[in-house]
Amino acid sequence: MTVLFKLPPQASNGDTLAVSAKLYRNVSLAPGDRVFLWWSETQGGAGLVGYGTCLSTASTSNSVEAVVEPVLMRETGYGFGRERLRPFREVAGDAPEATLAKALYKHSLNKVVQISPSEEAFLEELF
Protein backbone atom coordinates (compact mmCIF):
# COMPACT_ATOMS: atom_id res chain seq x y z
CA MET A 1 0.00 0.00 0.00
CA THR A 2 1.11 3.57 -0.62
CA VAL A 3 0.00 6.50 1.51
CA LEU A 4 0.53 10.24 1.69
CA PHE A 5 0.89 12.15 4.96
CA LYS A 6 -0.22 15.80 4.92
CA LEU A 7 1.38 17.50 7.91
CA PRO A 8 3.03 20.68 9.13
CA PRO A 9 6.78 20.57 8.42
CA GLN A 10 8.47 17.90 10.53
CA ALA A 11 12.08 17.58 11.64
CA SER A 12 13.84 14.28 11.20
CA ASN A 13 15.76 12.78 14.04
CA GLY A 14 18.74 11.48 12.12
CA ASP A 15 17.92 8.68 9.74
CA THR A 16 14.21 8.49 10.54
CA LEU A 17 11.16 10.70 10.75
CA ALA A 18 8.35 10.23 13.29
CA VAL A 19 4.94 11.28 11.95
CA SER A 20 1.42 11.15 13.35
CA ALA A 21 -1.91 11.84 11.64
CA LYS A 22 -5.61 11.04 11.47
CA LEU A 23 -6.61 8.17 9.23
CA TYR A 24 -8.70 9.23 6.23
CA ARG A 25 -11.22 6.74 4.83
CA ASN A 26 -10.10 3.63 6.71
CA VAL A 27 -6.47 3.76 5.65
CA SER A 28 -4.20 1.11 7.07
CA LEU A 29 -0.43 1.42 7.23
CA ALA A 30 2.13 -1.33 7.80
CA PRO A 31 5.91 -1.62 7.91
CA GLY A 32 7.28 -1.74 4.38
CA ASP A 33 4.58 0.52 2.91
CA ARG A 34 5.66 3.45 0.79
CA VAL A 35 5.01 6.88 2.30
CA PHE A 36 4.89 10.21 0.45
CA LEU A 37 5.33 13.32 2.60
CA TRP A 38 3.50 16.60 2.05
CA TRP A 39 4.32 19.58 4.27
CA SER A 40 1.32 21.89 4.37
CA GLU A 41 1.97 25.27 2.78
CA THR A 42 -0.42 26.95 5.23
CA GLN A 43 1.93 25.79 8.00
CA GLY A 44 5.14 26.97 6.28
CA GLY A 45 5.78 23.82 4.26
CA ALA A 46 6.57 23.33 0.59
CA GLY A 47 4.00 20.75 -0.55
CA LEU A 48 5.48 17.44 -1.70
CA VAL A 49 8.87 17.13 0.02
CA GLY A 50 9.77 13.48 -0.29
CA TYR A 51 9.01 9.84 0.16
CA GLY A 52 10.22 6.97 2.23
CA THR A 53 9.44 3.58 3.70
CA CYS A 54 7.37 2.93 6.80
CA LEU A 55 9.49 1.17 9.42
CA SER A 56 6.93 0.83 12.21
CA THR A 57 3.42 1.90 13.16
CA ALA A 58 1.15 2.29 16.16
CA SER A 59 -2.54 2.86 15.49
CA THR A 60 -5.66 3.87 17.37
CA SER A 61 -9.18 3.77 15.98
CA ASN A 62 -8.74 6.99 14.01
CA SER A 63 -5.04 7.89 13.94
CA VAL A 64 -1.63 6.41 13.26
CA GLU A 65 1.90 7.10 14.38
CA ALA A 66 4.65 5.93 12.06
CA VAL A 67 8.40 5.92 11.86
CA VAL A 68 9.49 6.60 8.29
CA GLU A 69 12.90 6.10 6.75
CA PRO A 70 13.18 8.87 4.15
CA VAL A 71 14.50 7.70 0.80
CA LEU A 72 14.44 11.08 -0.90
CA MET A 73 13.74 14.35 0.92
CA ARG A 74 14.03 18.01 -0.04
CA GLU A 75 12.76 20.52 2.52
CA THR A 76 12.21 23.07 -0.25
CA GLY A 77 9.91 20.63 -2.02
CA TYR A 78 9.72 19.43 -5.58
CA GLY A 79 7.68 22.23 -7.10
CA PHE A 80 4.42 20.42 -6.51
CA GLY A 81 2.13 22.09 -4.02
CA ARG A 82 -1.16 23.83 -3.56
CA GLU A 83 -0.71 26.18 -6.53
CA ARG A 84 -0.26 23.28 -8.94
CA LEU A 85 -3.24 21.40 -7.50
CA ARG A 86 -5.64 24.33 -7.17
CA PRO A 87 -6.94 24.17 -10.80
CA PHE A 88 -7.89 20.50 -10.28
CA ARG A 89 -9.95 20.89 -7.09
CA GLU A 90 -13.30 20.95 -8.91
CA VAL A 91 -12.35 18.74 -11.86
CA ALA A 92 -14.48 15.62 -12.25
CA GLY A 93 -12.92 12.31 -13.12
CA ASP A 94 -10.03 10.28 -11.86
CA ALA A 95 -6.98 12.06 -13.25
CA PRO A 96 -4.24 11.85 -10.58
CA GLU A 97 -4.11 15.63 -10.12
CA ALA A 98 -7.88 15.79 -9.55
CA THR A 99 -8.03 12.92 -7.07
CA LEU A 100 -4.98 14.18 -5.15
CA ALA A 101 -6.49 17.69 -5.01
CA LYS A 102 -9.71 16.32 -3.56
CA ALA A 103 -7.95 14.12 -1.00
CA LEU A 104 -5.51 16.80 0.13
CA TYR A 105 -7.80 19.81 0.24
CA LYS A 106 -11.23 18.45 1.03
CA HIS A 107 -10.24 17.79 4.63
CA SER A 108 -7.89 19.29 7.14
CA LEU A 109 -4.25 19.03 7.98
CA ASN A 110 -2.67 16.15 9.91
CA LYS A 111 -4.03 13.24 7.94
CA VAL A 112 -2.87 10.21 6.05
CA VAL A 113 -4.59 9.13 2.84
CA GLN A 114 -4.19 6.02 0.75
CA ILE A 115 -3.20 6.82 -2.81
CA SER A 116 -3.97 4.84 -5.94
CA PRO A 117 -1.40 3.28 -8.26
CA SER A 118 -2.03 6.06 -10.81
CA GLU A 119 -1.49 8.75 -8.14
CA GLU A 120 1.69 6.99 -7.00
CA ALA A 121 3.00 6.85 -10.59
CA PHE A 122 2.18 10.54 -11.05
CA LEU A 123 4.02 11.51 -7.84
CA GLU A 124 7.03 9.34 -8.76
CA GLU A 125 7.48 11.36 -11.95
CA LEU A 126 8.01 14.50 -9.86
CA PHE A 127 11.23 13.17 -8.34
C-alpha atoms as a PDB file:
ATOM      1  CA  MET A   1       0.000   0.000   0.000  1.00  0.00           C
ATOM      2  CA  THR A   2       1.107   3.565  -0.618  1.00  0.00           C
ATOM      3  CA  VAL A   3       0.000   6.500   1.508  1.00  0.00           C
ATOM      4  CA  LEU A   4       0.535  10.236   1.689  1.00  0.00           C
ATOM      5  CA  PHE A   5       0.894  12.147   4.957  1.00  0.00           C
ATOM      6  CA  LYS A   6      -0.222  15.797   4.921  1.00  0.00           C
ATOM      7  CA  LEU A   7       1.378  17.499   7.909  1.00  0.00           C
ATOM      8  CA  PRO A   8       3.034  20.679   9.133  1.00  0.00           C
ATOM      9  CA  PRO A   9       6.781  20.567   8.422  1.00  0.00           C
ATOM     10  CA  GLN A  10       8.473  17.895  10.531  1.00  0.00           C
ATOM     11  CA  ALA A  11      12.079  17.585  11.636  1.00  0.00           C
ATOM     12  CA  SER A  12      13.840  14.285  11.196  1.00  0.00           C
ATOM     13  CA  ASN A  13      15.762  12.776  14.043  1.00  0.00           C
ATOM     14  CA  GLY A  14      18.743  11.484  12.116  1.00  0.00           C
ATOM     15  CA  ASP A  15      17.920   8.677   9.740  1.00  0.00           C
ATOM     16  CA  THR A  16      14.209   8.487  10.541  1.00  0.00           C
ATOM     17  CA  LEU A  17      11.159  10.704  10.753  1.00  0.00           C
ATOM     18  CA  ALA A  18       8.348  10.231  13.286  1.00  0.00           C
ATOM     19  CA  VAL A  19       4.942  11.276  11.948  1.00  0.00           C
ATOM     20  CA  SER A  20       1.420  11.152  13.347  1.00  0.00           C
ATOM     21  CA  ALA A  21      -1.911  11.837  11.642  1.00  0.00           C
ATOM     22  CA  LYS A  22      -5.611  11.036  11.473  1.00  0.00           C
ATOM     23  CA  LEU A  23      -6.606   8.170   9.235  1.00  0.00           C
ATOM     24  CA  TYR A  24      -8.698   9.233   6.233  1.00  0.00           C
ATOM     25  CA  ARG A  25     -11.218   6.739   4.832  1.00  0.00           C
ATOM     26  CA  ASN A  26     -10.100   3.630   6.711  1.00  0.00           C
ATOM     27  CA  VAL A  27      -6.466   3.759   5.647  1.00  0.00           C
ATOM     28  CA  SER A  28      -4.199   1.112   7.072  1.00  0.00           C
ATOM     29  CA  LEU A  29      -0.430   1.420   7.232  1.00  0.00           C
ATOM     30  CA  ALA A  30       2.133  -1.328   7.797  1.00  0.00           C
ATOM     31  CA  PRO A  31       5.905  -1.618   7.910  1.00  0.00           C
ATOM     32  CA  GLY A  32       7.277  -1.737   4.379  1.00  0.00           C
ATOM     33  CA  ASP A  33       4.575   0.522   2.914  1.00  0.00           C
ATOM     34  CA  ARG A  34       5.662   3.451   0.787  1.00  0.00           C
ATOM     35  CA  VAL A  35       5.007   6.880   2.300  1.00  0.00           C
ATOM     36  CA  PHE A  36       4.893  10.211   0.449  1.00  0.00           C
ATOM     37  CA  LEU A  37       5.333  13.319   2.603  1.00  0.00           C
ATOM     38  CA  TRP A  38       3.499  16.601   2.047  1.00  0.00           C
ATOM     39  CA  TRP A  39       4.323  19.576   4.273  1.00  0.00           C
ATOM     40  CA  SER A  40       1.324  21.895   4.371  1.00  0.00           C
ATOM     41  CA  GLU A  41       1.971  25.275   2.779  1.00  0.00           C
ATOM     42  CA  THR A  42      -0.422  26.948   5.231  1.00  0.00           C
ATOM     43  CA  GLN A  43       1.925  25.787   8.000  1.00  0.00           C
ATOM     44  CA  GLY A  44       5.141  26.968   6.281  1.00  0.00           C
ATOM     45  CA  GLY A  45       5.778  23.824   4.259  1.00  0.00           C
ATOM     46  CA  ALA A  46       6.569  23.332   0.588  1.00  0.00           C
ATOM     47  CA  GLY A  47       4.003  20.755  -0.555  1.00  0.00           C
ATOM     48  CA  LEU A  48       5.479  17.445  -1.702  1.00  0.00           C
ATOM     49  CA  VAL A  49       8.866  17.131   0.021  1.00  0.00           C
ATOM     50  CA  GLY A  50       9.769  13.479  -0.295  1.00  0.00           C
ATOM     51  CA  TYR A  51       9.009   9.844   0.156  1.00  0.00           C
ATOM     52  CA  GLY A  52      10.219   6.966   2.234  1.00  0.00           C
ATOM     53  CA  THR A  53       9.444   3.580   3.699  1.00  0.00           C
ATOM     54  CA  CYS A  54       7.369   2.928   6.800  1.00  0.00           C
ATOM     55  CA  LEU A  55       9.492   1.167   9.416  1.00  0.00           C
ATOM     56  CA  SER A  56       6.931   0.828  12.214  1.00  0.00           C
ATOM     57  CA  THR A  57       3.415   1.898  13.162  1.00  0.00           C
ATOM     58  CA  ALA A  58       1.148   2.286  16.163  1.00  0.00           C
ATOM     59  CA  SER A  59      -2.543   2.860  15.492  1.00  0.00           C
ATOM     60  CA  THR A  60      -5.657   3.871  17.365  1.00  0.00           C
ATOM     61  CA  SER A  61      -9.183   3.770  15.979  1.00  0.00           C
ATOM     62  CA  ASN A  62      -8.742   6.994  14.005  1.00  0.00           C
ATOM     63  CA  SER A  63      -5.038   7.888  13.938  1.00  0.00           C
ATOM     64  CA  VAL A  64      -1.625   6.410  13.257  1.00  0.00           C
ATOM     65  CA  GLU A  65       1.903   7.104  14.379  1.00  0.00           C
ATOM     66  CA  ALA A  66       4.651   5.925  12.062  1.00  0.00           C
ATOM     67  CA  VAL A  67       8.404   5.924  11.861  1.00  0.00           C
ATOM     68  CA  VAL A  68       9.488   6.596   8.289  1.00  0.00           C
ATOM     69  CA  GLU A  69      12.899   6.104   6.754  1.00  0.00           C
ATOM     70  CA  PRO A  70      13.176   8.869   4.154  1.00  0.00           C
ATOM     71  CA  VAL A  71      14.504   7.696   0.797  1.00  0.00           C
ATOM     72  CA  LEU A  72      14.442  11.076  -0.898  1.00  0.00           C
ATOM     73  CA  MET A  73      13.738  14.351   0.919  1.00  0.00           C
ATOM     74  CA  ARG A  74      14.034  18.007  -0.040  1.00  0.00           C
ATOM     75  CA  GLU A  75      12.759  20.516   2.525  1.00  0.00           C
ATOM     76  CA  THR A  76      12.212  23.066  -0.248  1.00  0.00           C
ATOM     77  CA  GLY A  77       9.905  20.635  -2.020  1.00  0.00           C
ATOM     78  CA  TYR A  78       9.721  19.430  -5.584  1.00  0.00           C
ATOM     79  CA  GLY A  79       7.681  22.233  -7.100  1.00  0.00           C
ATOM     80  CA  PHE A  80       4.423  20.423  -6.509  1.00  0.00           C
ATOM     81  CA  GLY A  81       2.133  22.086  -4.022  1.00  0.00           C
ATOM     82  CA  ARG A  82      -1.159  23.832  -3.559  1.00  0.00           C
ATOM     83  CA  GLU A  83      -0.707  26.179  -6.528  1.00  0.00           C
ATOM     84  CA  ARG A  84      -0.255  23.281  -8.944  1.00  0.00           C
ATOM     85  CA  LEU A  85      -3.236  21.396  -7.497  1.00  0.00           C
ATOM     86  CA  ARG A  86      -5.644  24.327  -7.171  1.00  0.00           C
ATOM     87  CA  PRO A  87      -6.940  24.167 -10.803  1.00  0.00           C
ATOM     88  CA  PHE A  88      -7.894  20.504 -10.282  1.00  0.00           C
ATOM     89  CA  ARG A  89      -9.952  20.890  -7.089  1.00  0.00           C
ATOM     90  CA  GLU A  90     -13.298  20.951  -8.908  1.00  0.00           C
ATOM     91  CA  VAL A  91     -12.355  18.742 -11.863  1.00  0.00           C
ATOM     92  CA  ALA A  92     -14.481  15.619 -12.249  1.00  0.00           C
ATOM     93  CA  GLY A  93     -12.918  12.308 -13.121  1.00  0.00           C
ATOM     94  CA  ASP A  94     -10.034  10.282 -11.858  1.00  0.00           C
ATOM     95  CA  ALA A  95      -6.982  12.060 -13.247  1.00  0.00           C
ATOM     96  CA  PRO A  96      -4.240  11.852 -10.577  1.00  0.00           C
ATOM     97  CA  GLU A  97      -4.109  15.631 -10.119  1.00  0.00           C
ATOM     98  CA  ALA A  98      -7.876  15.790  -9.549  1.00  0.00           C
ATOM     99  CA  THR A  99      -8.030  12.922  -7.068  1.00  0.00           C
ATOM    100  CA  LEU A 100      -4.982  14.182  -5.151  1.00  0.00           C
ATOM    101  CA  ALA A 101      -6.485  17.686  -5.007  1.00  0.00           C
ATOM    102  CA  LYS A 102      -9.711  16.322  -3.557  1.00  0.00           C
ATOM    103  CA  ALA A 103      -7.949  14.119  -1.000  1.00  0.00           C
ATOM    104  CA  LEU A 104      -5.514  16.802   0.128  1.00  0.00           C
ATOM    105  CA  TYR A 105      -7.799  19.813   0.238  1.00  0.00           C
ATOM    106  CA  LYS A 106     -11.232  18.448   1.032  1.00  0.00           C
ATOM    107  CA  HIS A 107     -10.241  17.791   4.625  1.00  0.00           C
ATOM    108  CA  SER A 108      -7.887  19.286   7.144  1.00  0.00           C
ATOM    109  CA  LEU A 109      -4.252  19.028   7.985  1.00  0.00           C
ATOM    110  CA  ASN A 110      -2.671  16.150   9.906  1.00  0.00           C
ATOM    111  CA  LYS A 111      -4.034  13.237   7.940  1.00  0.00           C
ATOM    112  CA  VAL A 112      -2.865  10.208   6.050  1.00  0.00           C
ATOM    113  CA  VAL A 113      -4.591   9.134   2.839  1.00  0.00           C
ATOM    114  CA  GLN A 114      -4.188   6.018   0.745  1.00  0.00           C
ATOM    115  CA  ILE A 115      -3.195   6.817  -2.806  1.00  0.00           C
ATOM    116  CA  SER A 116      -3.973   4.837  -5.936  1.00  0.00           C
ATOM    117  CA  PRO A 117      -1.397   3.282  -8.264  1.00  0.00           C
ATOM    118  CA  SER A 118      -2.027   6.064 -10.805  1.00  0.00           C
ATOM    119  CA  GLU A 119      -1.493   8.746  -8.140  1.00  0.00           C
ATOM    120  CA  GLU A 120       1.686   6.989  -7.001  1.00  0.00           C
ATOM    121  CA  ALA A 121       2.999   6.851 -10.589  1.00  0.00           C
ATOM    122  CA  PHE A 122       2.179  10.536 -11.055  1.00  0.00           C
ATOM    123  CA  LEU A 123       4.022  11.515  -7.842  1.00  0.00           C
ATOM    124  CA  GLU A 124       7.033   9.343  -8.759  1.00  0.00           C
ATOM    125  CA  GLU A 125       7.475  11.361 -11.953  1.00  0.00           C
ATOM    126  CA  LEU A 126       8.011  14.502  -9.863  1.00  0.00           C
ATOM    127  CA  PHE A 127      11.234  13.170  -8.341  1.00  0.00           C
END
